[in-house]
Amino acid sequence: EASEPILARPVRAALLEWLDEIWAADELAAVGLAPRRRALFSGPPGVGKTTLAHHLAARLGLPMLAVRADRLQSSYMSQSAKSLGGLFDQLADAGPMMVFFDEFDSIAGTRIGAGGHNPTAANNHNLTVNTLLARLDAFTGFAVAATNAAADIDGAVWRRFDIQIALELPGAQEGERILARYLAPYAVPGGELAVLADAFAGATPALMRSFAESLKRQLVLGPRLG
């Protein structure tokens, strides 16, 4: 179960193009190609990267495994790389699914050159990135990663992701649709909804949802609380 995200037109077009490509696997195979299977979603916090990943998995009819970076990282030498390798070993035996890496930059950041203040930490991080590169190359399932800091992703890791989609803050039309969705079942006339969306210019969908749910909670509980 995953509600369809409200996306800007370029993002929606890119997503639909990718889905069409996946569903045309047989036609692509006839000319020696395979659908792309790795995508990187970037954008500020709260714009819906995780929601989009859930929706994509639902459209593909696949379970989604959400990987938290803090469950992989360790201060002990090579332990992060071992945890990452163990994850991919389990994925290989788990059957079809989509793996989703949140806060991807924390495990896939640019590798650190020699001569730093903490060579042990640098070696540990570089080993993790090298392990990620090797395991991504061997992984045949769908992999989606999300980051708030796309510029921090290691260049070699970036190139492993065939599709990069940047999610921006919603525009006026998207803002109206987002507010209308989360205010339901209460309805706001079109003019007032446009004014409300304008007041939320520059806000994330997550903030709009929080506002709408708080308002509905007050409408329900207000009479009881006087």
C-alpha atoms as a PDB file:
ATOM      1  CA  GLU A   1       0.000   0.000   0.000  1.00  0.00           C
ATOM      2  CA  ALA A   2       1.484   3.329  -1.071  1.00  0.00           C
ATOM      3  CA  SER A   3      -0.364   6.516  -1.958  1.00  0.00           C
ATOM      4  CA  GLU A   4       0.621   8.086  -5.268  1.00  0.00           C
ATOM      5  CA  PRO A   5       2.917  11.056  -4.651  1.00  0.00           C
ATOM      6  CA  ILE A   6       2.044  14.469  -6.051  1.00  0.00           C
ATOM      7  CA  LEU A   7       4.986  15.278  -8.291  1.00  0.00           C
ATOM      8  CA  ALA A   8       6.125  18.113 -10.492  1.00  0.00           C
ATOM      9  CA  ARG A   9       5.650  17.379 -14.191  1.00  0.00           C
ATOM     10  CA  PRO A  10       9.344  16.687 -15.034  1.00  0.00           C
ATOM     11  CA  VAL A  11       9.686  14.241 -12.130  1.00  0.00           C
ATOM     12  CA  ARG A  12       6.447  12.472 -13.016  1.00  0.00           C
ATOM     13  CA  ALA A  13       7.539  12.182 -16.643  1.00  0.00           C
ATOM     14  CA  ALA A  14      10.922  10.717 -15.649  1.00  0.00           C
ATOM     15  CA  LEU A  15       9.273   8.170 -13.365  1.00  0.00           C
ATOM     16  CA  LEU A  16       6.717   7.090 -15.968  1.00  0.00           C
ATOM     17  CA  GLU A  17       9.453   6.770 -18.587  1.00  0.00           C
ATOM     18  CA  TRP A  18      11.379   4.453 -16.263  1.00  0.00           C
ATOM     19  CA  LEU A  19       8.301   2.332 -15.530  1.00  0.00           C
ATOM     20  CA  ASP A  20       7.572   2.022 -19.267  1.00  0.00           C
ATOM     21  CA  GLU A  21      11.165   0.894 -19.762  1.00  0.00           C
ATOM     22  CA  ILE A  22      10.841  -1.763 -17.054  1.00  0.00           C
ATOM     23  CA  TRP A  23       7.593  -3.069 -18.518  1.00  0.00           C
ATOM     24  CA  ALA A  24       9.207  -3.240 -21.974  1.00  0.00           C
ATOM     25  CA  ALA A  25      11.890  -5.679 -20.796  1.00  0.00           C
ATOM     26  CA  ASP A  26      11.137  -8.235 -23.536  1.00  0.00           C
ATOM     27  CA  GLU A  27      11.318  -5.663 -26.321  1.00  0.00           C
ATOM     28  CA  LEU A  28      14.597  -4.314 -24.950  1.00  0.00           C
ATOM     29  CA  ALA A  29      16.042  -7.831 -24.643  1.00  0.00           C
ATOM     30  CA  ALA A  30      15.349  -8.356 -28.366  1.00  0.00           C
ATOM     31  CA  VAL A  31      17.875  -5.606 -29.147  1.00  0.00           C
ATOM     32  CA  GLY A  32      20.392  -6.642 -26.500  1.00  0.00           C
ATOM     33  CA  LEU A  33      19.368  -4.205 -23.764  1.00  0.00           C
ATOM     34  CA  ALA A  34      17.957  -4.510 -20.254  1.00  0.00           C
ATOM     35  CA  PRO A  35      15.875  -2.010 -18.263  1.00  0.00           C
ATOM     36  CA  ARG A  36      17.790   0.215 -15.918  1.00  0.00           C
ATOM     37  CA  ARG A  37      17.465  -0.950 -12.316  1.00  0.00           C
ATOM     38  CA  ARG A  38      19.142   1.694 -10.158  1.00  0.00           C
ATOM     39  CA  ALA A  39      17.892   5.198  -9.368  1.00  0.00           C
ATOM     40  CA  LEU A  40      19.144   7.990  -7.131  1.00  0.00           C
ATOM     41  CA  PHE A  41      16.578  10.423  -5.676  1.00  0.00           C
ATOM     42  CA  SER A  42      18.022  13.707  -4.422  1.00  0.00           C
ATOM     43  CA  GLY A  43      16.473  16.767  -2.821  1.00  0.00           C
ATOM     44  CA  PRO A  44      15.977  18.563   0.493  1.00  0.00           C
ATOM     45  CA  PRO A  45      14.425  16.758   3.474  1.00  0.00           C
ATOM     46  CA  GLY A  46      10.658  16.334   3.373  1.00  0.00           C
ATOM     47  CA  VAL A  47      10.120  16.545  -0.407  1.00  0.00           C
ATOM     48  CA  GLY A  48       8.902  12.946  -0.673  1.00  0.00           C
ATOM     49  CA  LYS A  49      11.907  10.828  -1.671  1.00  0.00           C
ATOM     50  CA  THR A  50      10.894   7.942   0.595  1.00  0.00           C
ATOM     51  CA  THR A  51       7.240   8.244  -0.446  1.00  0.00           C
ATOM     52  CA  LEU A  52       8.292   8.050  -4.079  1.00  0.00           C
ATOM     53  CA  ALA A  53      10.344   4.908  -3.393  1.00  0.00           C
ATOM     54  CA  HIS A  54       7.342   3.251  -1.687  1.00  0.00           C
ATOM     55  CA  HIS A  55       5.136   4.179  -4.648  1.00  0.00           C
ATOM     56  CA  LEU A  56       7.638   2.814  -7.153  1.00  0.00           C
ATOM     57  CA  ALA A  57       7.854  -0.520  -5.314  1.00  0.00           C
ATOM     58  CA  ALA A  58       4.056  -0.705  -5.231  1.00  0.00           C
ATOM     59  CA  ARG A  59       3.819  -0.026  -8.976  1.00  0.00           C
ATOM     60  CA  LEU A  60       6.340  -2.806  -9.593  1.00  0.00           C
ATOM     61  CA  GLY A  61       4.496  -5.178  -7.252  1.00  0.00           C
ATOM     62  CA  LEU A  62       7.633  -5.724  -5.170  1.00  0.00           C
ATOM     63  CA  PRO A  63       8.267  -5.678  -1.428  1.00  0.00           C
ATOM     64  CA  MET A  64      10.614  -2.876  -0.415  1.00  0.00           C
ATOM     65  CA  LEU A  65      13.469  -3.293   2.041  1.00  0.00           C
ATOM     66  CA  ALA A  66      14.382   0.066   3.598  1.00  0.00           C
ATOM     67  CA  VAL A  67      18.021   0.144   4.701  1.00  0.00           C
ATOM     68  CA  ARG A  68      18.958   2.568   7.456  1.00  0.00           C
ATOM     69  CA  ALA A  69      22.534   3.808   7.300  1.00  0.00           C
ATOM     70  CA  ASP A  70      22.969   3.634  11.083  1.00  0.00           C
ATOM     71  CA  ARG A  71      22.389  -0.146  10.965  1.00  0.00           C
ATOM     72  CA  LEU A  72      25.350  -0.540   8.607  1.00  0.00           C
ATOM     73  CA  GLN A  73      27.872   1.885  10.031  1.00  0.00           C
ATOM     74  CA  SER A  74      30.404   0.947  12.694  1.00  0.00           C
ATOM     75  CA  SER A  75      33.504   2.577  14.128  1.00  0.00           C
ATOM     76  CA  TYR A  76      35.298  -0.781  14.099  1.00  0.00           C
ATOM     77  CA  MET A  77      37.659  -1.356  11.205  1.00  0.00           C
ATOM     78  CA  SER A  78      36.006  -3.092   8.231  1.00  0.00           C
ATOM     79  CA  GLN A  79      32.788  -3.844  10.169  1.00  0.00           C
ATOM     80  CA  SER A  80      30.696  -1.447   8.036  1.00  0.00           C
ATOM     81  CA  ALA A  81      31.931  -3.160   4.869  1.00  0.00           C
ATOM     82  CA  LYS A  82      31.141  -6.580   6.358  1.00  0.00           C
ATOM     83  CA  SER A  83      27.626  -5.452   7.291  1.00  0.00           C
ATOM     84  CA  LEU A  84      27.086  -4.121   3.776  1.00  0.00           C
ATOM     85  CA  GLY A  85      28.353  -7.352   2.232  1.00  0.00           C
ATOM     86  CA  GLY A  86      26.070  -9.354   4.521  1.00  0.00           C
ATOM     87  CA  LEU A  87      23.113  -7.270   3.433  1.00  0.00           C
ATOM     88  CA  PHE A  88      23.725  -8.026  -0.239  1.00  0.00           C
ATOM     89  CA  ASP A  89      24.253 -11.701   0.555  1.00  0.00           C
ATOM     90  CA  GLN A  90      20.799 -11.805   2.135  1.00  0.00           C
ATOM     91  CA  LEU A  91      19.269  -9.896  -0.772  1.00  0.00           C
ATOM     92  CA  ALA A  92      20.635 -12.491  -3.184  1.00  0.00           C
ATOM     93  CA  ASP A  93      18.663 -15.196  -1.347  1.00  0.00           C
ATOM     94  CA  ALA A  94      15.516 -13.198  -0.620  1.00  0.00           C
ATOM     95  CA  GLY A  95      13.752 -13.296  -3.985  1.00  0.00           C
ATOM     96  CA  PRO A  96      12.562 -10.306  -6.038  1.00  0.00           C
ATOM     97  CA  MET A  97      12.406  -7.069  -4.102  1.00  0.00           C
ATOM     98  CA  MET A  98      13.477  -3.437  -4.210  1.00  0.00           C
ATOM     99  CA  VAL A  99      16.138  -2.239  -1.799  1.00  0.00           C
ATOM    100  CA  PHE A 100      15.961   1.394  -0.678  1.00  0.00           C
ATOM    101  CA  PHE A 101      18.967   3.142   0.859  1.00  0.00           C
ATOM    102  CA  ASP A 102      18.011   6.223   2.878  1.00  0.00           C
ATOM    103  CA  GLU A 103      20.580   8.928   3.764  1.00  0.00           C
ATOM    104  CA  PHE A 104      22.773   7.332   1.133  1.00  0.00           C
ATOM    105  CA  ASP A 105      25.534   9.935   1.347  1.00  0.00           C
ATOM    106  CA  SER A 106      26.486   8.671   4.822  1.00  0.00           C
ATOM    107  CA  ILE A 107      27.674   5.343   3.377  1.00  0.00           C
ATOM    108  CA  ALA A 108      28.482   6.412  -0.186  1.00  0.00           C
ATOM    109  CA  GLY A 109      30.285   9.702   0.402  1.00  0.00           C
ATOM    110  CA  THR A 110      33.374  10.653  -1.558  1.00  0.00           C
ATOM    111  CA  ARG A 111      36.358   8.505  -0.679  1.00  0.00           C
ATOM    112  CA  ILE A 112      38.976  10.151   1.520  1.00  0.00           C
ATOM    113  CA  GLY A 113      42.530  10.672   0.295  1.00  0.00           C
ATOM    114  CA  ALA A 114      45.648   9.736   2.209  1.00  0.00           C
ATOM    115  CA  GLY A 115      47.073  12.164   4.733  1.00  0.00           C
ATOM    116  CA  GLY A 116      43.933  12.920   6.728  1.00  0.00           C
ATOM    117  CA  HIS A 117      43.768  13.444  10.488  1.00  0.00           C
ATOM    118  CA  ASN A 118      42.136  10.053  11.087  1.00  0.00           C
ATOM    119  CA  PRO A 119      43.562   7.444   8.699  1.00  0.00           C
ATOM    120  CA  THR A 120      41.669   4.592  10.394  1.00  0.00           C
ATOM    121  CA  ALA A 121      38.309   6.256   9.806  1.00  0.00           C
ATOM    122  CA  ALA A 122      39.322   7.112   6.243  1.00  0.00           C
ATOM    123  CA  ASN A 123      40.337   3.530   5.498  1.00  0.00           C
ATOM    124  CA  ASN A 124      37.108   2.224   7.024  1.00  0.00           C
ATOM    125  CA  HIS A 125      35.003   4.594   4.906  1.00  0.00           C
ATOM    126  CA  ASN A 126      36.935   3.882   1.711  1.00  0.00           C
ATOM    127  CA  LEU A 127      36.598   0.137   2.242  1.00  0.00           C
ATOM    128  CA  THR A 128      32.836   0.556   2.696  1.00  0.00           C
ATOM    129  CA  VAL A 129      32.533   2.540  -0.551  1.00  0.00           C
ATOM    130  CA  ASN A 130      34.654   0.019  -2.460  1.00  0.00           C
ATOM    131  CA  THR A 131      32.503  -2.823  -1.123  1.00  0.00           C
ATOM    132  CA  LEU A 132      29.356  -0.934  -2.132  1.00  0.00           C
ATOM    133  CA  LEU A 133      30.689  -0.477  -5.671  1.00  0.00           C
ATOM    134  CA  ALA A 134      31.519  -4.163  -6.068  1.00  0.00           C
ATOM    135  CA  ARG A 135      28.218  -5.377  -4.635  1.00  0.00           C
ATOM    136  CA  LEU A 136      26.140  -2.941  -6.693  1.00  0.00           C
ATOM    137  CA  ASP A 137      27.850  -4.202  -9.851  1.00  0.00           C
ATOM    138  CA  ALA A 138      26.827  -7.767  -8.981  1.00  0.00           C
ATOM    139  CA  PHE A 139      23.303  -6.945  -7.769  1.00  0.00           C
ATOM    140  CA  THR A 140      20.581  -7.684 -10.335  1.00  0.00           C
ATOM    141  CA  GLY A 141      17.573  -6.383  -8.396  1.00  0.00           C
ATOM    142  CA  PHE A 142      16.106  -2.899  -8.159  1.00  0.00           C
ATOM    143  CA  ALA A 143      18.045  -0.447  -5.997  1.00  0.00           C
ATOM    144  CA  VAL A 144      16.914   3.079  -5.118  1.00  0.00           C
ATOM    145  CA  ALA A 145      18.900   5.503  -2.986  1.00  0.00           C
ATOM    146  CA  ALA A 146      17.889   8.842  -1.482  1.00  0.00           C
ATOM    147  CA  THR A 147      20.118  11.688  -0.397  1.00  0.00           C
ATOM    148  CA  ASN A 148      19.832  15.252   0.815  1.00  0.00           C
ATOM    149  CA  ALA A 149      23.433  15.901  -0.255  1.00  0.00           C
ATOM    150  CA  ALA A 150      23.909  14.674  -3.811  1.00  0.00           C
ATOM    151  CA  ALA A 151      27.174  16.584  -4.183  1.00  0.00           C
ATOM    152  CA  ASP A 152      28.729  14.442  -1.428  1.00  0.00           C
ATOM    153  CA  ILE A 153      28.166  11.124  -3.233  1.00  0.00           C
ATOM    154  CA  ASP A 154      31.356   9.474  -4.499  1.00  0.00           C
ATOM    155  CA  GLY A 155      31.635   9.911  -8.261  1.00  0.00           C
ATOM    156  CA  ALA A 156      32.063   6.198  -8.960  1.00  0.00           C
ATOM    157  CA  VAL A 157      28.967   5.375  -6.892  1.00  0.00           C
ATOM    158  CA  TRP A 158      27.008   8.089  -8.700  1.00  0.00           C
ATOM    159  CA  ARG A 159      27.836   6.516 -12.052  1.00  0.00           C
ATOM    160  CA  ARG A 160      26.432   3.170 -10.897  1.00  0.00           C
ATOM    161  CA  PHE A 161      22.964   4.743 -10.752  1.00  0.00           C
ATOM    162  CA  ASP A 162      21.556   4.883 -14.270  1.00  0.00           C
ATOM    163  CA  ILE A 163      18.760   7.273 -13.320  1.00  0.00           C
ATOM    164  CA  GLN A 164      19.086  10.447 -11.236  1.00  0.00           C
ATOM    165  CA  ILE A 165      15.904  12.274 -10.275  1.00  0.00           C
ATOM    166  CA  ALA A 166      16.032  15.575  -8.388  1.00  0.00           C
ATOM    167  CA  LEU A 167      12.937  16.333  -6.319  1.00  0.00           C
ATOM    168  CA  GLU A 168      12.294  20.004  -5.683  1.00  0.00           C
ATOM    169  CA  LEU A 169       9.938  21.881  -3.376  1.00  0.00           C
ATOM    170  CA  PRO A 170       6.370  21.847  -4.732  1.00  0.00           C
ATOM    171  CA  GLY A 171       5.118  24.638  -6.944  1.00  0.00           C
ATOM    172  CA  ALA A 172       1.775  26.398  -6.546  1.00  0.00           C
ATOM    173  CA  GLN A 173      -0.305  23.761  -8.355  1.00  0.00           C
ATOM    174  CA  GLU A 174       1.350  20.868  -6.541  1.00  0.00           C
ATOM    175  CA  GLY A 175       0.926  22.721  -3.250  1.00  0.00           C
ATOM    176  CA  GLU A 176      -2.833  23.039  -3.768  1.00  0.00           C
ATOM    177  CA  ARG A 177      -3.163  19.332  -4.546  1.00  0.00           C
ATOM    178  CA  ILE A 178      -1.051  18.335  -1.555  1.00  0.00           C
ATOM    179  CA  LEU A 179      -3.080  20.477   0.843  1.00  0.00           C
ATOM    180  CA  ALA A 180      -6.366  19.249  -0.629  1.00  0.00           C
ATOM    181  CA  ARG A 181      -5.271  15.620  -0.190  1.00  0.00           C
ATOM    182  CA  TYR A 182      -4.266  15.977   3.442  1.00  0.00           C
ATOM    183  CA  LEU A 183      -7.189  18.221   4.430  1.00  0.00           C
ATOM    184  CA  ALA A 184      -9.703  15.626   3.163  1.00  0.00           C
ATOM    185  CA  PRO A 185     -12.452  14.848   4.036  1.00  0.00           C
ATOM    186  CA  TYR A 186     -12.721  18.579   4.725  1.00  0.00           C
ATOM    187  CA  ALA A 187     -12.998  20.649   1.559  1.00  0.00           C
ATOM    188  CA  VAL A 188     -11.612  24.143   0.996  1.00  0.00           C
ATOM    189  CA  PRO A 189     -13.028  26.336  -1.827  1.00  0.00           C
ATOM    190  CA  GLY A 190     -10.642  26.789  -4.739  1.00  0.00           C
ATOM    191  CA  GLY A 191      -9.855  30.438  -4.109  1.00  0.00           C
ATOM    192  CA  GLU A 192      -9.073  29.942  -0.456  1.00  0.00           C
ATOM    193  CA  LEU A 193      -7.047  26.830  -1.264  1.00  0.00           C
ATOM    194  CA  ALA A 194      -4.908  28.877  -3.664  1.00  0.00           C
ATOM    195  CA  VAL A 195      -4.322  31.495  -0.951  1.00  0.00           C
ATOM    196  CA  LEU A 196      -3.381  28.765   1.517  1.00  0.00           C
ATOM    197  CA  ALA A 197      -0.982  27.164  -0.976  1.00  0.00           C
ATOM    198  CA  ASP A 198       0.593  30.563  -1.615  1.00  0.00           C
ATOM    199  CA  ALA A 199       1.165  30.960   2.123  1.00  0.00           C
ATOM    200  CA  PHE A 200       3.020  27.646   2.040  1.00  0.00           C
ATOM    201  CA  ALA A 201       5.316  28.652  -0.840  1.00  0.00           C
ATOM    202  CA  GLY A 202       8.742  27.178  -0.131  1.00  0.00           C
ATOM    203  CA  ALA A 203       7.390  24.591   2.304  1.00  0.00           C
ATOM    204  CA  THR A 204       7.894  20.855   1.966  1.00  0.00           C
ATOM    205  CA  PRO A 205       5.040  18.370   1.485  1.00  0.00           C
ATOM    206  CA  ALA A 206       5.896  16.997   4.931  1.00  0.00           C
ATOM    207  CA  LEU A 207       5.263  20.406   6.517  1.00  0.00           C
ATOM    208  CA  MET A 208       1.981  20.804   4.607  1.00  0.00           C
ATOM    209  CA  ARG A 209       0.842  17.397   5.806  1.00  0.00           C
ATOM    210  CA  SER A 210       1.747  18.251   9.397  1.00  0.00           C
ATOM    211  CA  PHE A 211      -0.261  21.479   9.195  1.00  0.00           C
ATOM    212  CA  ALA A 212      -3.296  19.792   7.638  1.00  0.00           C
ATOM    213  CA  GLU A 213      -3.341  16.964  10.169  1.00  0.00           C
ATOM    214  CA  SER A 214      -2.972  19.416  13.072  1.00  0.00           C
ATOM    215  CA  LEU A 215      -5.881  21.477  11.729  1.00  0.00           C
ATOM    216  CA  LYS A 216      -8.118  18.414  11.340  1.00  0.00           C
ATOM    217  CA  ARG A 217      -7.207  17.263  14.851  1.00  0.00           C
ATOM    218  CA  GLN A 218      -8.316  20.633  16.226  1.00  0.00           C
ATOM    219  CA  LEU A 219     -11.573  20.503  14.260  1.00  0.00           C
ATOM    220  CA  VAL A 220     -12.367  17.099  15.740  1.00  0.00           C
ATOM    221  CA  LEU A 221     -11.211  17.713  19.305  1.00  0.00           C
ATOM    222  CA  GLY A 222     -11.973  21.428  19.616  1.00  0.00           C
ATOM    223  CA  PRO A 223     -15.657  21.064  20.499  1.00  0.00           C
ATOM    224  CA  ARG A 224     -14.857  18.384  23.086  1.00  0.00           C
ATOM    225  CA  LEU A 225     -12.177  20.556  24.683  1.00  0.00           C
ATOM    226  CA  GLY A 226     -14.236  23.725  24.566  1.00  0.00           C
END
